[in-house]
């Protein structure tokens, strides 16, 4: 299989590296096709695309939209989007508006637990102040010695049901998919193995996603185990969805895969990149 990574983050959202550095790391690992998919923001894509072009690597502009579906937070990746599309831009701006208010509530919840001044500490890690999120709080909690790594800090403080978690209403599923489609993009259910849905609930999510115009699901993800890869490959084939793959890279040393190279997609479902490229095209250098 070709080295392809269609889900990664920069410091425009909750990653640690600037867009150009994320793209360069993927290229140095042999990546042939890369997508930057920052949460709810497109502002790193111009630099990322220019960097990929200079390096001779194919690039898809992307985004990861935060969605509330039946009180669950899920994520929908958009690939191949037109960054100038006003419908997508306005939709993402509406999602970003609630992030600061959520951050204040998270800080208050942690203060009630006896951990004061978290908001100021989290902001130190948020290079884009509009995009402050749980990862920035997690990094500050680790900095203060309250957990040793990202997995531990989420498990103790920030995962659903933990004292630093606060619920929030993100975009509706149908709206997120419609914004992506309005921008000429293809919508992908991101890292489905993280949602811990049973077969029935996952089936209902996919049915609503397809009805809204969604077309793909991540089969290989930085957070998927081998059993997840097999499960979602079968599901993609059965449901007629494209199979996508992505590292979900945020920062080196935080437990995720490095950007650029992933395990192969299993045979069966159609790889999502074939919407834009034949395999042979990805082996040629960018002109």
C-alpha atoms as a PDB file:
ATOM      1  CA  UNK A   1       0.000   0.000   0.000  1.00  0.00           C
ATOM      2  CA  UNK A   2       1.041   3.607  -0.497  1.00  0.00           C
ATOM      3  CA  UNK A   3       2.140   5.693   2.500  1.00  0.00           C
ATOM      4  CA  UNK A   4      -0.838   8.005   2.999  1.00  0.00           C
ATOM      5  CA  UNK A   5      -2.027  10.007   6.017  1.00  0.00           C
ATOM      6  CA  UNK A   6      -5.372  11.796   5.809  1.00  0.00           C
ATOM      7  CA  UNK A   7      -5.873  12.972   9.404  1.00  0.00           C
ATOM      8  CA  UNK A   8      -3.385  15.114  11.326  1.00  0.00           C
ATOM      9  CA  UNK A   9      -3.293  18.304  13.380  1.00  0.00           C
ATOM     10  CA  UNK A  10      -1.134  21.391  13.755  1.00  0.00           C
ATOM     11  CA  UNK A  11      -0.996  24.198  16.305  1.00  0.00           C
ATOM     12  CA  UNK A  12      -3.804  25.913  14.436  1.00  0.00           C
ATOM     13  CA  UNK A  13      -5.996  23.623  16.557  1.00  0.00           C
ATOM     14  CA  UNK A  14      -4.660  21.315  19.283  1.00  0.00           C
ATOM     15  CA  UNK A  15      -1.446  20.044  17.744  1.00  0.00           C
ATOM     16  CA  UNK A  16       1.971  21.236  18.896  1.00  0.00           C
ATOM     17  CA  UNK A  17       3.754  21.950  15.599  1.00  0.00           C
ATOM     18  CA  UNK A  18       3.107  24.618  12.947  1.00  0.00           C
ATOM     19  CA  UNK A  19       1.463  23.362   9.727  1.00  0.00           C
ATOM     20  CA  UNK A  20       4.679  23.456   7.683  1.00  0.00           C
ATOM     21  CA  UNK A  21       6.502  21.284  10.220  1.00  0.00           C
ATOM     22  CA  UNK A  22       3.726  18.695  10.358  1.00  0.00           C
ATOM     23  CA  UNK A  23       3.753  18.418   6.555  1.00  0.00           C
ATOM     24  CA  UNK A  24       7.548  18.175   6.499  1.00  0.00           C
ATOM     25  CA  UNK A  25       7.564  15.378   9.094  1.00  0.00           C
ATOM     26  CA  UNK A  26       5.079  13.393   7.035  1.00  0.00           C
ATOM     27  CA  UNK A  27       7.157  13.883   3.885  1.00  0.00           C
ATOM     28  CA  UNK A  28      10.378  12.852   5.627  1.00  0.00           C
ATOM     29  CA  UNK A  29       8.695   9.576   6.584  1.00  0.00           C
ATOM     30  CA  UNK A  30       7.938   8.863   2.936  1.00  0.00           C
ATOM     31  CA  UNK A  31       4.335  10.053   2.777  1.00  0.00           C
ATOM     32  CA  UNK A  32       2.919  10.361  -0.752  1.00  0.00           C
ATOM     33  CA  UNK A  33      -0.438  11.963   0.077  1.00  0.00           C
ATOM     34  CA  UNK A  34      -1.175  14.013   3.178  1.00  0.00           C
ATOM     35  CA  UNK A  35      -4.134  15.906   4.608  1.00  0.00           C
ATOM     36  CA  UNK A  36      -4.000  18.452   7.409  1.00  0.00           C
ATOM     37  CA  UNK A  37      -7.318  18.290   9.269  1.00  0.00           C
ATOM     38  CA  UNK A  38      -7.296  20.770  12.123  1.00  0.00           C
ATOM     39  CA  UNK A  39     -10.331  20.950  14.375  1.00  0.00           C
ATOM     40  CA  UNK A  40     -12.939  23.443  13.164  1.00  0.00           C
ATOM     41  CA  UNK A  41     -10.398  25.731  11.479  1.00  0.00           C
ATOM     42  CA  UNK A  42      -8.953  26.118   7.973  1.00  0.00           C
ATOM     43  CA  UNK A  43      -6.254  28.693   8.630  1.00  0.00           C
ATOM     44  CA  UNK A  44      -3.285  26.340   8.461  1.00  0.00           C
ATOM     45  CA  UNK A  45      -4.140  24.908   5.062  1.00  0.00           C
ATOM     46  CA  UNK A  46      -2.574  27.523   2.771  1.00  0.00           C
ATOM     47  CA  UNK A  47       0.862  27.137   4.394  1.00  0.00           C
ATOM     48  CA  UNK A  48       0.490  23.359   4.511  1.00  0.00           C
ATOM     49  CA  UNK A  49      -0.425  23.176   0.821  1.00  0.00           C
ATOM     50  CA  UNK A  50       2.499  25.419  -0.160  1.00  0.00           C
ATOM     51  CA  UNK A  51       4.902  23.302   1.889  1.00  0.00           C
ATOM     52  CA  UNK A  52       3.661  20.070   0.322  1.00  0.00           C
ATOM     53  CA  UNK A  53       3.972  21.553  -3.158  1.00  0.00           C
ATOM     54  CA  UNK A  54       7.551  22.650  -2.494  1.00  0.00           C
ATOM     55  CA  UNK A  55       8.463  19.207  -1.170  1.00  0.00           C
ATOM     56  CA  UNK A  56       6.795  17.357  -4.044  1.00  0.00           C
ATOM     57  CA  UNK A  57       4.080  15.636  -2.003  1.00  0.00           C
ATOM     58  CA  UNK A  58       0.416  15.467  -2.920  1.00  0.00           C
ATOM     59  CA  UNK A  59      -1.886  17.269  -0.503  1.00  0.00           C
ATOM     60  CA  UNK A  60      -5.594  17.330   0.310  1.00  0.00           C
ATOM     61  CA  UNK A  61      -6.996  20.284   2.265  1.00  0.00           C
ATOM     62  CA  UNK A  62      -9.037  19.028   5.178  1.00  0.00           C
ATOM     63  CA  UNK A  63     -10.790  19.834   8.422  1.00  0.00           C
ATOM     64  CA  UNK A  64     -12.175  17.903  11.406  1.00  0.00           C
ATOM     65  CA  UNK A  65     -15.592  19.138  12.510  1.00  0.00           C
ATOM     66  CA  UNK A  66     -16.775  18.690  16.102  1.00  0.00           C
ATOM     67  CA  UNK A  67     -20.274  17.186  16.147  1.00  0.00           C
ATOM     68  CA  UNK A  68     -22.877  16.410  18.799  1.00  0.00           C
ATOM     69  CA  UNK A  69     -24.914  13.340  17.886  1.00  0.00           C
ATOM     70  CA  UNK A  70     -27.480  12.067  20.394  1.00  0.00           C
ATOM     71  CA  UNK A  71     -25.524  13.680  23.246  1.00  0.00           C
ATOM     72  CA  UNK A  72     -22.303  11.992  22.056  1.00  0.00           C
ATOM     73  CA  UNK A  73     -19.353  14.008  20.761  1.00  0.00           C
ATOM     74  CA  UNK A  74     -18.069  12.606  17.489  1.00  0.00           C
ATOM     75  CA  UNK A  75     -15.812  13.998  14.779  1.00  0.00           C
ATOM     76  CA  UNK A  76     -16.319  14.226  11.041  1.00  0.00           C
ATOM     77  CA  UNK A  77     -13.326  14.813   8.789  1.00  0.00           C
ATOM     78  CA  UNK A  78     -13.797  16.713   5.552  1.00  0.00           C
ATOM     79  CA  UNK A  79     -11.309  15.930   2.777  1.00  0.00           C
ATOM     80  CA  UNK A  80     -10.714  17.873  -0.419  1.00  0.00           C
ATOM     81  CA  UNK A  81     -12.549  20.968   0.779  1.00  0.00           C
ATOM     82  CA  UNK A  82     -12.482  24.383  -0.879  1.00  0.00           C
ATOM     83  CA  UNK A  83     -11.053  26.615   1.835  1.00  0.00           C
ATOM     84  CA  UNK A  84     -12.667  29.705   0.292  1.00  0.00           C
ATOM     85  CA  UNK A  85     -16.194  28.311   0.570  1.00  0.00           C
ATOM     86  CA  UNK A  86     -18.304  30.671   2.683  1.00  0.00           C
ATOM     87  CA  UNK A  87     -20.747  28.003   3.861  1.00  0.00           C
ATOM     88  CA  UNK A  88     -17.926  25.960   5.370  1.00  0.00           C
ATOM     89  CA  UNK A  89     -16.172  29.009   6.790  1.00  0.00           C
ATOM     90  CA  UNK A  90     -19.325  30.298   8.483  1.00  0.00           C
ATOM     91  CA  UNK A  91     -20.230  26.880   9.849  1.00  0.00           C
ATOM     92  CA  UNK A  92     -16.799  26.395  11.395  1.00  0.00           C
ATOM     93  CA  UNK A  93     -16.868  29.898  12.871  1.00  0.00           C
ATOM     94  CA  UNK A  94     -20.129  29.033  14.611  1.00  0.00           C
ATOM     95  CA  UNK A  95     -18.526  25.937  16.154  1.00  0.00           C
ATOM     96  CA  UNK A  96     -15.484  27.884  17.362  1.00  0.00           C
ATOM     97  CA  UNK A  97     -17.615  30.464  19.186  1.00  0.00           C
ATOM     98  CA  UNK A  98     -18.467  28.050  21.977  1.00  0.00           C
ATOM     99  CA  UNK A  99     -14.925  26.898  22.731  1.00  0.00           C
ATOM    100  CA  UNK A 100     -13.924  29.759  25.009  1.00  0.00           C
ATOM    101  CA  UNK A 101     -17.083  29.445  27.101  1.00  0.00           C
ATOM    102  CA  UNK A 102     -16.455  25.704  27.458  1.00  0.00           C
ATOM    103  CA  UNK A 103     -12.856  26.389  28.525  1.00  0.00           C
ATOM    104  CA  UNK A 104     -14.058  28.677  31.323  1.00  0.00           C
ATOM    105  CA  UNK A 105     -16.431  25.958  32.563  1.00  0.00           C
ATOM    106  CA  UNK A 106     -13.647  23.369  32.443  1.00  0.00           C
ATOM    107  CA  UNK A 107     -11.379  25.639  34.466  1.00  0.00           C
ATOM    108  CA  UNK A 108     -14.143  26.220  37.022  1.00  0.00           C
ATOM    109  CA  UNK A 109     -14.753  22.475  37.324  1.00  0.00           C
ATOM    110  CA  UNK A 110     -11.075  21.812  37.973  1.00  0.00           C
ATOM    111  CA  UNK A 111     -10.907  24.701  40.461  1.00  0.00           C
ATOM    112  CA  UNK A 112     -13.758  23.097  42.384  1.00  0.00           C
ATOM    113  CA  UNK A 113     -11.557  20.000  42.567  1.00  0.00           C
ATOM    114  CA  UNK A 114      -8.776  22.049  44.155  1.00  0.00           C
ATOM    115  CA  UNK A 115      -6.789  22.774  40.979  1.00  0.00           C
ATOM    116  CA  UNK A 116      -6.871  26.573  40.486  1.00  0.00           C
ATOM    117  CA  UNK A 117      -5.719  28.809  37.606  1.00  0.00           C
ATOM    118  CA  UNK A 118      -6.104  26.157  34.938  1.00  0.00           C
ATOM    119  CA  UNK A 119      -7.432  28.454  32.223  1.00  0.00           C
ATOM    120  CA  UNK A 120      -4.358  30.676  32.196  1.00  0.00           C
ATOM    121  CA  UNK A 121      -2.112  27.612  32.161  1.00  0.00           C
ATOM    122  CA  UNK A 122      -4.025  25.969  29.332  1.00  0.00           C
ATOM    123  CA  UNK A 123      -3.873  29.156  27.256  1.00  0.00           C
ATOM    124  CA  UNK A 124      -0.062  28.957  27.268  1.00  0.00           C
ATOM    125  CA  UNK A 125      -0.356  25.845  25.107  1.00  0.00           C
ATOM    126  CA  UNK A 126      -3.010  27.245  22.738  1.00  0.00           C
ATOM    127  CA  UNK A 127      -1.248  29.020  19.880  1.00  0.00           C
ATOM    128  CA  UNK A 128      -4.654  29.738  18.346  1.00  0.00           C
ATOM    129  CA  UNK A 129      -6.739  31.311  21.149  1.00  0.00           C
ATOM    130  CA  UNK A 130      -9.991  30.501  19.329  1.00  0.00           C
ATOM    131  CA  UNK A 131      -9.215  26.798  19.504  1.00  0.00           C
ATOM    132  CA  UNK A 132      -8.518  26.139  23.175  1.00  0.00           C
ATOM    133  CA  UNK A 133      -9.561  22.601  24.023  1.00  0.00           C
ATOM    134  CA  UNK A 134      -9.042  19.605  26.272  1.00  0.00           C
ATOM    135  CA  UNK A 135      -5.564  18.856  24.924  1.00  0.00           C
ATOM    136  CA  UNK A 136      -4.329  22.248  26.110  1.00  0.00           C
ATOM    137  CA  UNK A 137      -5.730  21.628  29.591  1.00  0.00           C
ATOM    138  CA  UNK A 138      -4.169  18.156  29.538  1.00  0.00           C
ATOM    139  CA  UNK A 139      -0.725  19.515  28.723  1.00  0.00           C
ATOM    140  CA  UNK A 140      -0.928  21.986  31.588  1.00  0.00           C
ATOM    141  CA  UNK A 141      -2.100  19.308  34.033  1.00  0.00           C
ATOM    142  CA  UNK A 142       0.926  17.223  33.011  1.00  0.00           C
ATOM    143  CA  UNK A 143       3.159  20.289  33.372  1.00  0.00           C
ATOM    144  CA  UNK A 144       1.872  20.693  36.946  1.00  0.00           C
ATOM    145  CA  UNK A 145       2.705  17.084  37.722  1.00  0.00           C
ATOM    146  CA  UNK A 146      -0.899  15.952  38.135  1.00  0.00           C
ATOM    147  CA  UNK A 147      -0.565  13.199  35.531  1.00  0.00           C
ATOM    148  CA  UNK A 148       2.371  11.678  33.724  1.00  0.00           C
ATOM    149  CA  UNK A 149       1.013  11.424  30.176  1.00  0.00           C
ATOM    150  CA  UNK A 150      -1.954  12.236  27.943  1.00  0.00           C
ATOM    151  CA  UNK A 151      -3.643   8.899  28.441  1.00  0.00           C
ATOM    152  CA  UNK A 152      -3.432   9.229  32.199  1.00  0.00           C
ATOM    153  CA  UNK A 153      -4.628  12.824  32.351  1.00  0.00           C
ATOM    154  CA  UNK A 154      -7.702  12.132  30.229  1.00  0.00           C
ATOM    155  CA  UNK A 155      -8.516   9.021  32.229  1.00  0.00           C
ATOM    156  CA  UNK A 156      -8.297  10.904  35.539  1.00  0.00           C
ATOM    157  CA  UNK A 157      -9.620  14.351  34.700  1.00  0.00           C
ATOM    158  CA  UNK A 158     -10.878  15.051  31.183  1.00  0.00           C
ATOM    159  CA  UNK A 159     -12.711  12.067  29.701  1.00  0.00           C
ATOM    160  CA  UNK A 160     -16.502  11.948  29.779  1.00  0.00           C
ATOM    161  CA  UNK A 161     -17.677  11.364  33.347  1.00  0.00           C
ATOM    162  CA  UNK A 162     -14.474  12.740  34.908  1.00  0.00           C
ATOM    163  CA  UNK A 163     -14.392  15.919  37.028  1.00  0.00           C
ATOM    164  CA  UNK A 164     -12.825  18.190  34.401  1.00  0.00           C
ATOM    165  CA  UNK A 165     -15.155  17.149  31.600  1.00  0.00           C
ATOM    166  CA  UNK A 166     -17.993  19.490  30.655  1.00  0.00           C
ATOM    167  CA  UNK A 167     -20.647  18.734  28.073  1.00  0.00           C
ATOM    168  CA  UNK A 168     -21.003  21.008  25.072  1.00  0.00           C
ATOM    169  CA  UNK A 169     -23.299  21.306  22.074  1.00  0.00           C
ATOM    170  CA  UNK A 170     -21.253  21.139  18.871  1.00  0.00           C
ATOM    171  CA  UNK A 171     -22.506  21.092  15.269  1.00  0.00           C
ATOM    172  CA  UNK A 172     -25.353  18.820  14.236  1.00  0.00           C
ATOM    173  CA  UNK A 173     -24.262  15.823  12.147  1.00  0.00           C
ATOM    174  CA  UNK A 174     -26.318  16.807   9.106  1.00  0.00           C
ATOM    175  CA  UNK A 175     -25.007  20.383   9.268  1.00  0.00           C
ATOM    176  CA  UNK A 176     -21.359  19.300   9.457  1.00  0.00           C
ATOM    177  CA  UNK A 177     -21.743  16.994   6.461  1.00  0.00           C
ATOM    178  CA  UNK A 178     -23.612  19.654   4.496  1.00  0.00           C
ATOM    179  CA  UNK A 179     -20.858  22.234   5.107  1.00  0.00           C
ATOM    180  CA  UNK A 180     -18.223  19.793   3.859  1.00  0.00           C
ATOM    181  CA  UNK A 181     -20.260  18.904   0.773  1.00  0.00           C
ATOM    182  CA  UNK A 182     -20.981  22.571   0.031  1.00  0.00           C
ATOM    183  CA  UNK A 183     -17.210  23.072  -0.099  1.00  0.00           C
ATOM    184  CA  UNK A 184     -16.819  20.211  -2.579  1.00  0.00           C
ATOM    185  CA  UNK A 185     -15.416  17.868   0.053  1.00  0.00           C
ATOM    186  CA  UNK A 186     -16.010  14.295   1.126  1.00  0.00           C
ATOM    187  CA  UNK A 187     -17.180  13.584   4.694  1.00  0.00           C
ATOM    188  CA  UNK A 188     -15.522  10.862   6.792  1.00  0.00           C
ATOM    189  CA  UNK A 189     -16.494   9.473  10.202  1.00  0.00           C
ATOM    190  CA  UNK A 190     -13.263   9.918  12.172  1.00  0.00           C
ATOM    191  CA  UNK A 191     -11.749   7.227  14.457  1.00  0.00           C
ATOM    192  CA  UNK A 192     -15.029   5.311  15.015  1.00  0.00           C
ATOM    193  CA  UNK A 193     -13.350   2.896  17.404  1.00  0.00           C
ATOM    194  CA  UNK A 194     -13.085   5.669  19.991  1.00  0.00           C
ATOM    195  CA  UNK A 195     -16.829   6.024  20.370  1.00  0.00           C
ATOM    196  CA  UNK A 196     -17.426   2.631  22.006  1.00  0.00           C
ATOM    197  CA  UNK A 197     -20.786   2.283  20.284  1.00  0.00           C
ATOM    198  CA  UNK A 198     -22.413  -1.103  20.070  1.00  0.00           C
ATOM    199  CA  UNK A 199     -23.388  -2.559  16.718  1.00  0.00           C
ATOM    200  CA  UNK A 200     -26.894  -1.077  16.796  1.00  0.00           C
ATOM    201  CA  UNK A 201     -25.866   2.462  17.725  1.00  0.00           C
ATOM    202  CA  UNK A 202     -23.005   2.447  15.213  1.00  0.00           C
ATOM    203  CA  UNK A 203     -25.440   1.271  12.559  1.00  0.00           C
ATOM    204  CA  UNK A 204     -27.789   4.136  13.377  1.00  0.00           C
ATOM    205  CA  UNK A 205     -24.936   6.649  13.196  1.00  0.00           C
ATOM    206  CA  UNK A 206     -23.857   5.339   9.797  1.00  0.00           C
ATOM    207  CA  UNK A 207     -27.427   5.378   8.490  1.00  0.00           C
ATOM    208  CA  UNK A 208     -27.872   9.040   9.480  1.00  0.00           C
ATOM    209  CA  UNK A 209     -24.405   9.912   8.189  1.00  0.00           C
ATOM    210  CA  UNK A 210     -25.098   8.364   4.780  1.00  0.00           C
ATOM    211  CA  UNK A 211     -28.534   9.980   4.600  1.00  0.00           C
ATOM    212  CA  UNK A 212     -26.848  13.359   5.136  1.00  0.00           C
ATOM    213  CA  UNK A 213     -24.385  12.674   2.310  1.00  0.00           C
ATOM    214  CA  UNK A 214     -21.449  11.170   4.213  1.00  0.00           C
ATOM    215  CA  UNK A 215     -19.297   8.819   2.159  1.00  0.00           C
ATOM    216  CA  UNK A 216     -16.377   7.383   4.146  1.00  0.00           C
ATOM    217  CA  UNK A 217     -15.188   6.018   7.473  1.00  0.00           C
ATOM    218  CA  UNK A 218     -11.713   5.820   8.992  1.00  0.00           C
ATOM    219  CA  UNK A 219     -10.600   2.223   9.038  1.00  0.00           C
ATOM    220  CA  UNK A 220      -6.973   2.754  10.064  1.00  0.00           C
ATOM    221  CA  UNK A 221      -6.472   5.347  12.801  1.00  0.00           C
ATOM    222  CA  UNK A 222      -3.783   6.177  15.314  1.00  0.00           C
ATOM    223  CA  UNK A 223      -6.244   5.164  18.036  1.00  0.00           C
ATOM    224  CA  UNK A 224      -7.400   1.893  16.419  1.00  0.00           C
ATOM    225  CA  UNK A 225      -6.214  -1.552  17.395  1.00  0.00           C
ATOM    226  CA  UNK A 226      -6.011  -4.422  14.896  1.00  0.00           C
ATOM    227  CA  UNK A 227      -9.480  -5.621  15.874  1.00  0.00           C
ATOM    228  CA  UNK A 228     -10.879  -2.154  15.111  1.00  0.00           C
ATOM    229  CA  UNK A 229      -9.221  -2.109  11.698  1.00  0.00           C
ATOM    230  CA  UNK A 230     -10.788  -5.438  10.764  1.00  0.00           C
ATOM    231  CA  UNK A 231     -14.191  -4.432  12.109  1.00  0.00           C
ATOM    232  CA  UNK A 232     -14.388  -1.107  10.301  1.00  0.00           C
ATOM    233  CA  UNK A 233     -12.976  -2.494   7.064  1.00  0.00           C
ATOM    234  CA  UNK A 234     -15.860  -4.979   6.984  1.00  0.00           C
ATOM    235  CA  UNK A 235     -18.308  -2.253   7.920  1.00  0.00           C
ATOM    236  CA  UNK A 236     -17.044   0.076   5.185  1.00  0.00           C
ATOM    237  CA  UNK A 237     -17.392  -2.670   2.579  1.00  0.00           C
ATOM    238  CA  UNK A 238     -20.840  -3.727   3.785  1.00  0.00           C
ATOM    239  CA  UNK A 239     -22.118  -0.145   3.873  1.00  0.00           C
ATOM    240  CA  UNK A 240     -20.553   0.954   0.592  1.00  0.00           C
ATOM    241  CA  UNK A 241     -18.363   3.560   2.299  1.00  0.00           C
ATOM    242  CA  UNK A 242     -14.890   4.574   1.238  1.00  0.00           C
ATOM    243  CA  UNK A 243     -12.145   3.503   3.660  1.00  0.00           C
ATOM    244  CA  UNK A 244      -9.939   6.281   4.997  1.00  0.00           C
ATOM    245  CA  UNK A 245      -6.823   6.251   7.156  1.00  0.00           C
ATOM    246  CA  UNK A 246      -5.018   8.774   9.303  1.00  0.00           C
ATOM    247  CA  UNK A 247      -2.542   9.026  12.138  1.00  0.00           C
ATOM    248  CA  UNK A 248      -4.550  11.649  14.076  1.00  0.00           C
ATOM    249  CA  UNK A 249      -1.140  13.097  14.900  1.00  0.00           C
ATOM    250  CA  UNK A 250      -1.070  15.910  17.466  1.00  0.00           C
ATOM    251  CA  UNK A 251       2.392  15.884  19.035  1.00  0.00           C
ATOM    252  CA  UNK A 252       5.437  13.658  19.278  1.00  0.00           C
ATOM    253  CA  UNK A 253       5.567  11.879  22.605  1.00  0.00           C
ATOM    254  CA  UNK A 254       1.845  12.043  23.326  1.00  0.00           C
ATOM    255  CA  UNK A 255       1.168   8.421  22.447  1.00  0.00           C
ATOM    256  CA  UNK A 256      -0.108   8.781  18.907  1.00  0.00           C
ATOM    257  CA  UNK A 257       1.537   7.688  15.693  1.00  0.00           C
ATOM    258  CA  UNK A 258       3.956   9.977  13.932  1.00  0.00           C
ATOM    259  CA  UNK A 259       2.504  11.526  10.758  1.00  0.00           C
ATOM    260  CA  UNK A 260       3.026   9.977   7.374  1.00  0.00           C
ATOM    261  CA  UNK A 261       3.106   6.182   7.528  1.00  0.00           C
ATOM    262  CA  UNK A 262       0.335   3.889   8.741  1.00  0.00           C
ATOM    263  CA  UNK A 263      -0.541   0.199   8.570  1.00  0.00           C
ATOM    264  CA  UNK A 264      -2.042  -0.918   5.280  1.00  0.00           C
ATOM    265  CA  UNK A 265      -5.756  -0.781   4.660  1.00  0.00           C
ATOM    266  CA  UNK A 266      -7.210  -4.295   4.585  1.00  0.00           C
ATOM    267  CA  UNK A 267      -8.467  -5.541   1.211  1.00  0.00           C
ATOM    268  CA  UNK A 268     -12.149  -5.085   0.480  1.00  0.00           C
ATOM    269  CA  UNK A 269     -13.359  -1.496   0.831  1.00  0.00           C
ATOM    270  CA  UNK A 270     -12.418   1.126  -1.750  1.00  0.00           C
ATOM    271  CA  UNK A 271      -9.641   3.451  -0.503  1.00  0.00           C
ATOM    272  CA  UNK A 272     -10.897   7.006  -0.161  1.00  0.00           C
ATOM    273  CA  UNK A 273      -7.967   8.551  -2.013  1.00  0.00           C
ATOM    274  CA  UNK A 274      -9.179   7.000  -5.249  1.00  0.00           C
ATOM    275  CA  UNK A 275     -11.836   9.705  -5.299  1.00  0.00           C
ATOM    276  CA  UNK A 276      -9.003  12.057  -6.344  1.00  0.00           C
ATOM    277  CA  UNK A 277      -5.966   9.961  -7.342  1.00  0.00           C
ATOM    278  CA  UNK A 278      -5.053   6.714  -9.007  1.00  0.00           C
ATOM    279  CA  UNK A 279      -2.265   4.856  -7.246  1.00  0.00           C
ATOM    280  CA  UNK A 280       0.096   5.589 -10.129  1.00  0.00           C
ATOM    281  CA  UNK A 281      -0.505   9.336  -9.738  1.00  0.00           C
ATOM    282  CA  UNK A 282       0.716   9.200  -6.158  1.00  0.00           C
ATOM    283  CA  UNK A 283       3.978   7.595  -7.185  1.00  0.00           C
ATOM    284  CA  UNK A 284       4.833  10.524  -9.476  1.00  0.00           C
ATOM    285  CA  UNK A 285       6.412  13.684  -8.135  1.00  0.00           C
ATOM    286  CA  UNK A 286       4.309  16.822  -7.993  1.00  0.00           C
ATOM    287  CA  UNK A 287       5.136  19.028 -10.956  1.00  0.00           C
END
